[in-house]
Amino acid sequence: MALTFPWIYPVRVAQAIFAIIVLALTAYYISWYTYSDTVNFMLFNGIWAAFFATPYLALAPAFFPQLAHRFVIPTVEAITMIFWFSGFIALGVYLPPSEFCHWSRCRALQAATVFGAFEWALFLATTVAAVLDALRSRSSPNTKTTHANVHVGV
């Protein structure tokens, strides 16, 4: 019997790549322009997702199951999803209309907004999966998430 490759692995890779792209685009803008809370928040989102949330969500269930409590995984997923949603919406509102966005830093923020929206959609999908998994494991006396089993292809 062939082992199936869990869908979550490619999604986690895409989440990390998109987060690094947003990180780079917002850092480019910040290196040229004055302080902006909105852009700084998107920079934070990139750092949070690339270096904290995604590594935790990808590695803890498979390698550190004692750190992957059944309520922590969906909580981190939901918080990260909310961060991306508020970030890409705020950045979209911050930007001028497309016809007035002709300089490279403005275009970089437009791209960051689009990648932020994609990142939100990816985290929405993984949040729904994590919440459903936590609800399924709710009746189990075990307090650890069964999300680890999904991740390791069992």
N, C-alpha and C. Protein backbone atom coordinates (compact mmCIF):
# COMPACT_ATOMS: atom_id res chain seq x y z
N MET A 1 0.84 -1.18 0.00
CA MET A 1 0.00 0.00 0.00
C MET A 1 0.89 1.24 0.00
N ALA A 2 0.61 2.16 -0.88
CA ALA A 2 1.40 3.39 -0.99
C ALA A 2 0.94 4.41 0.06
N LEU A 3 1.92 5.07 0.65
CA LEU A 3 1.61 6.13 1.60
C LEU A 3 1.20 7.39 0.83
N THR A 4 0.18 8.02 1.31
CA THR A 4 -0.24 9.26 0.67
C THR A 4 0.51 10.42 1.29
N PHE A 5 0.86 11.37 0.49
CA PHE A 5 1.57 12.55 0.95
C PHE A 5 0.55 13.55 1.46
N PRO A 6 0.65 13.95 2.73
CA PRO A 6 -0.34 14.88 3.28
C PRO A 6 -0.33 16.22 2.55
N TRP A 7 -1.51 16.74 2.34
CA TRP A 7 -1.66 18.02 1.62
C TRP A 7 -1.07 19.17 2.41
N ILE A 8 -0.89 19.00 3.71
CA ILE A 8 -0.46 20.11 4.56
C ILE A 8 0.99 20.52 4.29
N TYR A 9 1.84 19.57 3.88
CA TYR A 9 3.25 19.92 3.66
C TYR A 9 3.45 20.95 2.56
N PRO A 10 2.89 20.77 1.37
CA PRO A 10 3.05 21.81 0.35
C PRO A 10 2.43 23.14 0.76
N VAL A 11 1.34 23.08 1.51
CA VAL A 11 0.71 24.32 1.98
C VAL A 11 1.65 25.04 2.95
N ARG A 12 2.28 24.31 3.85
CA ARG A 12 3.23 24.93 4.80
C ARG A 12 4.41 25.55 4.06
N VAL A 13 4.90 24.87 3.04
CA VAL A 13 6.00 25.43 2.24
C VAL A 13 5.55 26.73 1.57
N ALA A 14 4.36 26.72 0.98
CA ALA A 14 3.83 27.93 0.34
C ALA A 14 3.64 29.05 1.37
N GLN A 15 3.16 28.71 2.57
CA GLN A 15 2.99 29.71 3.61
C GLN A 15 4.33 30.35 3.97
N ALA A 16 5.37 29.55 4.11
CA ALA A 16 6.68 30.08 4.45
C ALA A 16 7.24 30.94 3.31
N ILE A 17 7.09 30.49 2.08
CA ILE A 17 7.60 31.25 0.93
C ILE A 17 6.86 32.58 0.78
N PHE A 18 5.55 32.56 0.87
CA PHE A 18 4.78 33.80 0.76
C PHE A 18 5.12 34.76 1.89
N ALA A 19 5.31 34.23 3.08
CA ALA A 19 5.68 35.10 4.21
C ALA A 19 7.04 35.77 3.97
N ILE A 20 7.98 35.04 3.43
CA ILE A 20 9.30 35.61 3.15
C ILE A 20 9.20 36.65 2.03
N ILE A 21 8.35 36.39 1.05
CA ILE A 21 8.14 37.37 -0.02
C ILE A 21 7.57 38.67 0.55
N VAL A 22 6.55 38.56 1.40
CA VAL A 22 5.96 39.76 2.02
C VAL A 22 6.99 40.46 2.89
N LEU A 23 7.77 39.69 3.62
CA LEU A 23 8.84 40.25 4.44
C LEU A 23 9.80 41.07 3.59
N ALA A 24 10.23 40.52 2.47
CA ALA A 24 11.18 41.21 1.59
C ALA A 24 10.56 42.47 0.97
N LEU A 25 9.33 42.37 0.51
CA LEU A 25 8.68 43.52 -0.13
C LEU A 25 8.45 44.66 0.85
N THR A 26 8.01 44.34 2.05
CA THR A 26 7.77 45.39 3.03
C THR A 26 9.09 45.96 3.56
N ALA A 27 10.10 45.13 3.69
CA ALA A 27 11.42 45.63 4.11
C ALA A 27 11.99 46.57 3.06
N TYR A 28 11.77 46.26 1.78
CA TYR A 28 12.21 47.15 0.71
C TYR A 28 11.56 48.52 0.85
N TYR A 29 10.26 48.53 1.08
CA TYR A 29 9.54 49.79 1.24
C TYR A 29 10.06 50.56 2.46
N ILE A 30 10.20 49.88 3.57
CA ILE A 30 10.64 50.52 4.80
C ILE A 30 12.06 51.08 4.67
N SER A 31 12.89 50.42 3.88
CA SER A 31 14.26 50.91 3.71
C SER A 31 14.32 52.24 2.95
N TRP A 32 13.27 52.57 2.24
CA TRP A 32 13.25 53.80 1.44
C TRP A 32 12.32 54.88 1.98
N TYR A 33 11.39 54.52 2.80
CA TYR A 33 10.32 55.45 3.14
C TYR A 33 10.22 55.63 4.64
N THR A 34 9.42 56.57 5.03
CA THR A 34 9.25 56.87 6.44
C THR A 34 8.43 55.79 7.14
N TYR A 35 8.28 55.97 8.40
CA TYR A 35 7.58 55.03 9.27
C TYR A 35 6.11 54.91 8.91
N SER A 36 5.61 53.69 8.90
CA SER A 36 4.20 53.42 8.65
C SER A 36 3.78 52.22 9.50
N ASP A 37 2.82 52.41 10.37
CA ASP A 37 2.33 51.31 11.21
C ASP A 37 1.80 50.16 10.36
N THR A 38 1.12 50.49 9.29
CA THR A 38 0.51 49.46 8.44
C THR A 38 1.57 48.60 7.78
N VAL A 39 2.58 49.22 7.21
CA VAL A 39 3.65 48.47 6.55
C VAL A 39 4.44 47.68 7.59
N ASN A 40 4.69 48.28 8.74
CA ASN A 40 5.40 47.58 9.79
C ASN A 40 4.62 46.36 10.28
N PHE A 41 3.30 46.46 10.31
CA PHE A 41 2.50 45.31 10.71
C PHE A 41 2.63 44.18 9.69
N MET A 42 2.65 44.51 8.42
CA MET A 42 2.85 43.47 7.40
C MET A 42 4.26 42.88 7.50
N LEU A 43 5.24 43.70 7.84
CA LEU A 43 6.59 43.19 8.08
C LEU A 43 6.56 42.21 9.25
N PHE A 44 5.87 42.57 10.32
CA PHE A 44 5.70 41.66 11.45
C PHE A 44 5.03 40.37 11.01
N ASN A 45 3.98 40.46 10.20
CA ASN A 45 3.29 39.26 9.72
C ASN A 45 4.24 38.33 9.00
N GLY A 46 5.10 38.89 8.15
CA GLY A 46 6.07 38.07 7.43
C GLY A 46 7.03 37.38 8.38
N ILE A 47 7.53 38.11 9.36
CA ILE A 47 8.45 37.53 10.34
C ILE A 47 7.73 36.47 11.19
N TRP A 48 6.54 36.82 11.67
CA TRP A 48 5.77 35.89 12.51
C TRP A 48 5.49 34.58 11.77
N ALA A 49 5.00 34.69 10.54
CA ALA A 49 4.62 33.48 9.80
C ALA A 49 5.84 32.67 9.36
N ALA A 50 6.88 33.34 8.86
CA ALA A 50 8.03 32.62 8.32
C ALA A 50 8.90 31.98 9.39
N PHE A 51 9.04 32.65 10.51
CA PHE A 51 10.02 32.18 11.49
C PHE A 51 9.43 31.65 12.80
N PHE A 52 8.14 31.84 13.03
CA PHE A 52 7.55 31.36 14.27
C PHE A 52 6.36 30.43 14.01
N ALA A 53 5.30 30.95 13.41
CA ALA A 53 4.06 30.18 13.29
C ALA A 53 4.22 28.96 12.37
N THR A 54 4.70 29.17 11.16
CA THR A 54 4.80 28.05 10.22
C THR A 54 5.76 26.97 10.70
N PRO A 55 6.96 27.32 11.18
CA PRO A 55 7.82 26.24 11.71
C PRO A 55 7.17 25.49 12.87
N TYR A 56 6.52 26.22 13.77
CA TYR A 56 5.85 25.55 14.88
C TYR A 56 4.75 24.63 14.37
N LEU A 57 3.90 25.14 13.48
CA LEU A 57 2.77 24.36 12.99
C LEU A 57 3.21 23.16 12.16
N ALA A 58 4.35 23.27 11.49
CA ALA A 58 4.83 22.16 10.66
C ALA A 58 5.61 21.13 11.48
N LEU A 59 6.39 21.59 12.44
CA LEU A 59 7.30 20.69 13.14
C LEU A 59 6.76 20.14 14.46
N ALA A 60 6.03 20.93 15.21
CA ALA A 60 5.57 20.49 16.53
C ALA A 60 4.71 19.23 16.48
N PRO A 61 3.71 19.14 15.61
CA PRO A 61 2.89 17.92 15.62
C PRO A 61 3.67 16.66 15.26
N ALA A 62 4.64 16.77 14.38
CA ALA A 62 5.38 15.59 13.93
C ALA A 62 6.54 15.23 14.85
N PHE A 63 7.27 16.24 15.35
CA PHE A 63 8.49 15.97 16.09
C PHE A 63 8.42 16.30 17.58
N PHE A 64 7.51 17.16 17.97
CA PHE A 64 7.38 17.56 19.37
C PHE A 64 5.90 17.49 19.79
N PRO A 65 5.31 16.31 19.80
CA PRO A 65 3.87 16.21 20.07
C PRO A 65 3.48 16.76 21.45
N GLN A 66 4.40 16.80 22.40
CA GLN A 66 4.08 17.36 23.71
C GLN A 66 3.83 18.86 23.62
N LEU A 67 4.33 19.53 22.58
CA LEU A 67 4.09 20.96 22.38
C LEU A 67 2.88 21.24 21.49
N ALA A 68 2.29 20.20 20.95
CA ALA A 68 1.19 20.36 19.99
C ALA A 68 -0.14 20.00 20.65
N HIS A 69 -0.52 20.74 21.64
CA HIS A 69 -1.80 20.52 22.31
C HIS A 69 -2.93 20.74 21.31
N ARG A 70 -4.01 20.02 21.48
CA ARG A 70 -5.09 20.07 20.49
C ARG A 70 -5.75 21.44 20.39
N PHE A 71 -5.61 22.30 21.40
CA PHE A 71 -6.17 23.64 21.32
C PHE A 71 -5.14 24.69 20.90
N VAL A 72 -3.88 24.40 21.06
CA VAL A 72 -2.83 25.37 20.71
C VAL A 72 -2.68 25.47 19.19
N ILE A 73 -2.69 24.35 18.51
CA ILE A 73 -2.53 24.35 17.05
C ILE A 73 -3.62 25.20 16.39
N PRO A 74 -4.91 24.97 16.66
CA PRO A 74 -5.93 25.82 16.03
C PRO A 74 -5.84 27.28 16.47
N THR A 75 -5.40 27.52 17.69
CA THR A 75 -5.26 28.90 18.17
C THR A 75 -4.18 29.64 17.40
N VAL A 76 -3.02 29.01 17.24
CA VAL A 76 -1.94 29.65 16.48
C VAL A 76 -2.38 29.85 15.03
N GLU A 77 -3.04 28.86 14.47
CA GLU A 77 -3.56 28.98 13.09
C GLU A 77 -4.52 30.17 12.98
N ALA A 78 -5.47 30.27 13.90
CA ALA A 78 -6.49 31.32 13.84
C ALA A 78 -5.88 32.71 14.06
N ILE A 79 -4.98 32.82 15.01
CA ILE A 79 -4.33 34.11 15.26
C ILE A 79 -3.55 34.55 14.03
N THR A 80 -2.82 33.63 13.43
CA THR A 80 -2.03 33.96 12.24
C THR A 80 -2.95 34.34 11.09
N MET A 81 -4.06 33.63 10.93
CA MET A 81 -5.02 33.95 9.87
C MET A 81 -5.59 35.35 10.08
N ILE A 82 -5.92 35.69 11.31
CA ILE A 82 -6.46 37.03 11.61
C ILE A 82 -5.41 38.10 11.35
N PHE A 83 -4.15 37.83 11.72
CA PHE A 83 -3.07 38.78 11.44
C PHE A 83 -2.99 39.07 9.95
N TRP A 84 -3.00 38.00 9.13
CA TRP A 84 -2.87 38.21 7.68
C TRP A 84 -4.09 38.93 7.11
N PHE A 85 -5.27 38.58 7.59
CA PHE A 85 -6.47 39.24 7.10
C PHE A 85 -6.42 40.73 7.40
N SER A 86 -6.15 41.08 8.64
CA SER A 86 -6.11 42.51 9.01
C SER A 86 -4.96 43.22 8.32
N GLY A 87 -3.85 42.53 8.12
CA GLY A 87 -2.70 43.15 7.47
C GLY A 87 -2.92 43.46 6.00
N PHE A 88 -3.42 42.49 5.24
CA PHE A 88 -3.58 42.77 3.81
C PHE A 88 -4.72 43.75 3.55
N ILE A 89 -5.76 43.72 4.37
CA ILE A 89 -6.84 44.71 4.21
C ILE A 89 -6.32 46.11 4.54
N ALA A 90 -5.61 46.25 5.65
CA ALA A 90 -5.08 47.56 6.04
C ALA A 90 -4.08 48.08 5.01
N LEU A 91 -3.26 47.21 4.47
CA LEU A 91 -2.29 47.66 3.46
C LEU A 91 -2.99 48.06 2.17
N GLY A 92 -4.03 47.34 1.80
CA GLY A 92 -4.80 47.72 0.62
C GLY A 92 -5.46 49.08 0.78
N VAL A 93 -5.93 49.38 1.97
CA VAL A 93 -6.53 50.69 2.24
C VAL A 93 -5.46 51.78 2.28
N TYR A 94 -4.28 51.45 2.74
CA TYR A 94 -3.17 52.40 2.86
C TYR A 94 -2.65 52.86 1.50
N LEU A 95 -2.71 51.99 0.51
CA LEU A 95 -2.15 52.29 -0.81
C LEU A 95 -3.02 53.25 -1.60
N PRO A 96 -2.39 54.05 -2.46
CA PRO A 96 -3.19 54.88 -3.36
C PRO A 96 -3.83 54.02 -4.45
N PRO A 97 -4.80 54.56 -5.18
CA PRO A 97 -5.39 53.79 -6.29
C PRO A 97 -4.31 53.39 -7.31
N SER A 98 -4.56 52.33 -8.03
CA SER A 98 -3.58 51.77 -8.96
C SER A 98 -3.08 52.79 -9.98
N GLU A 99 -3.97 53.67 -10.46
CA GLU A 99 -3.53 54.64 -11.48
C GLU A 99 -2.54 55.67 -10.94
N PHE A 100 -2.42 55.78 -9.61
CA PHE A 100 -1.47 56.71 -9.01
C PHE A 100 -0.27 56.01 -8.38
N CYS A 101 -0.14 54.74 -8.64
CA CYS A 101 0.93 53.95 -8.03
C CYS A 101 1.95 53.58 -9.11
N HIS A 102 2.88 54.52 -9.40
CA HIS A 102 3.82 54.32 -10.50
C HIS A 102 5.25 54.13 -10.04
N TRP A 103 5.54 54.24 -8.77
CA TRP A 103 6.91 54.10 -8.29
C TRP A 103 7.13 52.72 -7.73
N SER A 104 8.35 52.27 -7.71
CA SER A 104 8.66 50.87 -7.36
C SER A 104 8.24 50.49 -5.95
N ARG A 105 8.37 51.39 -5.01
CA ARG A 105 8.00 51.06 -3.64
C ARG A 105 6.49 50.86 -3.51
N CYS A 106 5.73 51.63 -4.25
CA CYS A 106 4.28 51.46 -4.25
C CYS A 106 3.91 50.12 -4.87
N ARG A 107 4.58 49.77 -5.96
CA ARG A 107 4.33 48.48 -6.61
C ARG A 107 4.72 47.32 -5.69
N ALA A 108 5.78 47.51 -4.92
CA ALA A 108 6.19 46.48 -3.96
C ALA A 108 5.10 46.25 -2.93
N LEU A 109 4.47 47.33 -2.47
CA LEU A 109 3.40 47.18 -1.49
C LEU A 109 2.14 46.57 -2.12
N GLN A 110 1.90 46.87 -3.40
CA GLN A 110 0.78 46.21 -4.08
C GLN A 110 1.02 44.69 -4.11
N ALA A 111 2.24 44.30 -4.45
CA ALA A 111 2.56 42.88 -4.48
C ALA A 111 2.46 42.27 -3.08
N ALA A 112 2.91 43.00 -2.07
CA ALA A 112 2.81 42.50 -0.69
C ALA A 112 1.35 42.31 -0.29
N THR A 113 0.48 43.19 -0.76
CA THR A 113 -0.95 43.05 -0.47
C THR A 113 -1.51 41.78 -1.09
N VAL A 114 -1.14 41.52 -2.33
CA VAL A 114 -1.63 40.32 -3.02
C VAL A 114 -1.10 39.05 -2.35
N PHE A 115 0.19 39.03 -2.05
CA PHE A 115 0.74 37.85 -1.37
C PHE A 115 0.16 37.70 0.03
N GLY A 116 -0.13 38.80 0.69
CA GLY A 116 -0.79 38.74 1.99
C GLY A 116 -2.18 38.13 1.90
N ALA A 117 -2.90 38.46 0.83
CA ALA A 117 -4.23 37.88 0.62
C ALA A 117 -4.13 36.37 0.36
N PHE A 118 -3.14 35.97 -0.45
CA PHE A 118 -2.93 34.54 -0.68
C PHE A 118 -2.56 33.83 0.63
N GLU A 119 -1.71 34.48 1.41
CA GLU A 119 -1.29 33.91 2.69
C GLU A 119 -2.50 33.75 3.62
N TRP A 120 -3.38 34.75 3.64
CA TRP A 120 -4.59 34.64 4.44
C TRP A 120 -5.43 33.45 3.99
N ALA A 121 -5.59 33.26 2.69
CA ALA A 121 -6.38 32.15 2.17
C ALA A 121 -5.78 30.80 2.57
N LEU A 122 -4.45 30.71 2.52
CA LEU A 122 -3.80 29.46 2.93
C LEU A 122 -4.01 29.20 4.42
N PHE A 123 -3.86 30.25 5.23
CA PHE A 123 -4.07 30.06 6.66
C PHE A 123 -5.55 29.82 6.99
N LEU A 124 -6.44 30.35 6.20
CA LEU A 124 -7.87 30.05 6.38
C LEU A 124 -8.10 28.56 6.20
N ALA A 125 -7.54 27.99 5.14
CA ALA A 125 -7.72 26.56 4.87
C ALA A 125 -7.12 25.70 5.99
N THR A 126 -5.91 26.04 6.44
CA THR A 126 -5.30 25.23 7.49
C THR A 126 -5.96 25.46 8.85
N THR A 127 -6.51 26.65 9.06
CA THR A 127 -7.24 26.89 10.31
C THR A 127 -8.51 26.05 10.36
N VAL A 128 -9.24 26.01 9.27
CA VAL A 128 -10.45 25.18 9.22
C VAL A 128 -10.09 23.71 9.47
N ALA A 129 -9.03 23.23 8.84
CA ALA A 129 -8.61 21.84 9.05
C ALA A 129 -8.21 21.59 10.50
N ALA A 130 -7.49 22.53 11.10
CA ALA A 130 -7.06 22.37 12.49
C ALA A 130 -8.24 22.39 13.46
N VAL A 131 -9.19 23.30 13.22
CA VAL A 131 -10.36 23.37 14.10
C VAL A 131 -11.20 22.10 13.97
N LEU A 132 -11.41 21.64 12.76
CA LEU A 132 -12.17 20.39 12.57
C LEU A 132 -11.46 19.22 13.23
N ASP A 133 -10.15 19.17 13.13
CA ASP A 133 -9.38 18.10 13.77
C ASP A 133 -9.49 18.19 15.29
N ALA A 134 -9.44 19.40 15.84
CA ALA A 134 -9.58 19.57 17.29
C ALA A 134 -10.98 19.16 17.75
N LEU A 135 -12.00 19.47 16.96
CA LEU A 135 -13.36 19.08 17.33
C LEU A 135 -13.55 17.56 17.25
N ARG A 136 -12.93 16.93 16.27
CA ARG A 136 -13.01 15.47 16.16
C ARG A 136 -12.32 14.81 17.34
N SER A 137 -11.22 15.38 17.80
CA SER A 137 -10.47 14.76 18.90
C SER A 137 -11.02 15.18 20.25
N ARG A 138 -12.04 16.02 20.27
CA ARG A 138 -12.61 16.51 21.53
C ARG A 138 -13.16 15.39 22.38
N SER A 139 -13.76 14.41 21.77
CA SER A 139 -14.36 13.32 22.53
C SER A 139 -13.31 12.36 23.08
N SER A 140 -12.08 12.45 22.58
CA SER A 140 -11.01 11.59 23.05
C SER A 140 -10.49 12.08 24.39
N PRO A 141 -10.17 11.17 25.31
CA PRO A 141 -9.63 11.59 26.59
C PRO A 141 -8.21 12.14 26.48
N ASN A 142 -7.56 11.88 25.37
CA ASN A 142 -6.20 12.38 25.15
C ASN A 142 -6.24 13.89 24.94
N THR A 143 -5.37 14.64 25.62
CA THR A 143 -5.36 16.10 25.48
C THR A 143 -4.47 16.57 24.35
N LYS A 144 -3.71 15.67 23.79
CA LYS A 144 -2.85 16.04 22.67
C LYS A 144 -3.66 16.01 21.39
N THR A 145 -3.25 16.82 20.42
CA THR A 145 -3.97 16.86 19.15
C THR A 145 -3.68 15.62 18.33
N THR A 146 -4.63 15.22 17.53
CA THR A 146 -4.39 14.13 16.58
C THR A 146 -3.89 14.70 15.27
N HIS A 147 -3.69 16.02 15.24
CA HIS A 147 -3.18 16.69 14.05
C HIS A 147 -1.82 16.11 13.64
N ALA A 148 -1.07 15.61 14.61
CA ALA A 148 0.24 15.01 14.33
C ALA A 148 0.09 13.82 13.42
N ASN A 149 -0.95 13.04 13.62
CA ASN A 149 -1.16 11.88 12.77
C ASN A 149 -1.43 12.28 11.33
N VAL A 150 -2.14 13.37 11.14
CA VAL A 150 -2.41 13.85 9.79
C VAL A 150 -1.11 14.29 9.13
N HIS A 151 -0.25 14.95 9.88
CA HIS A 151 0.97 15.50 9.33
C HIS A 151 1.99 14.45 8.94
N VAL A 152 2.07 13.36 9.67
CA VAL A 152 3.08 12.37 9.37
C VAL A 152 2.60 11.33 8.37
N GLY A 153 1.43 11.52 7.83
CA GLY A 153 0.95 10.66 6.76
C GLY A 153 0.37 9.34 7.24
N VAL A 154 -0.01 9.28 8.50
CA VAL A 154 -0.59 8.04 9.01
C VAL A 154 -2.06 8.00 8.72
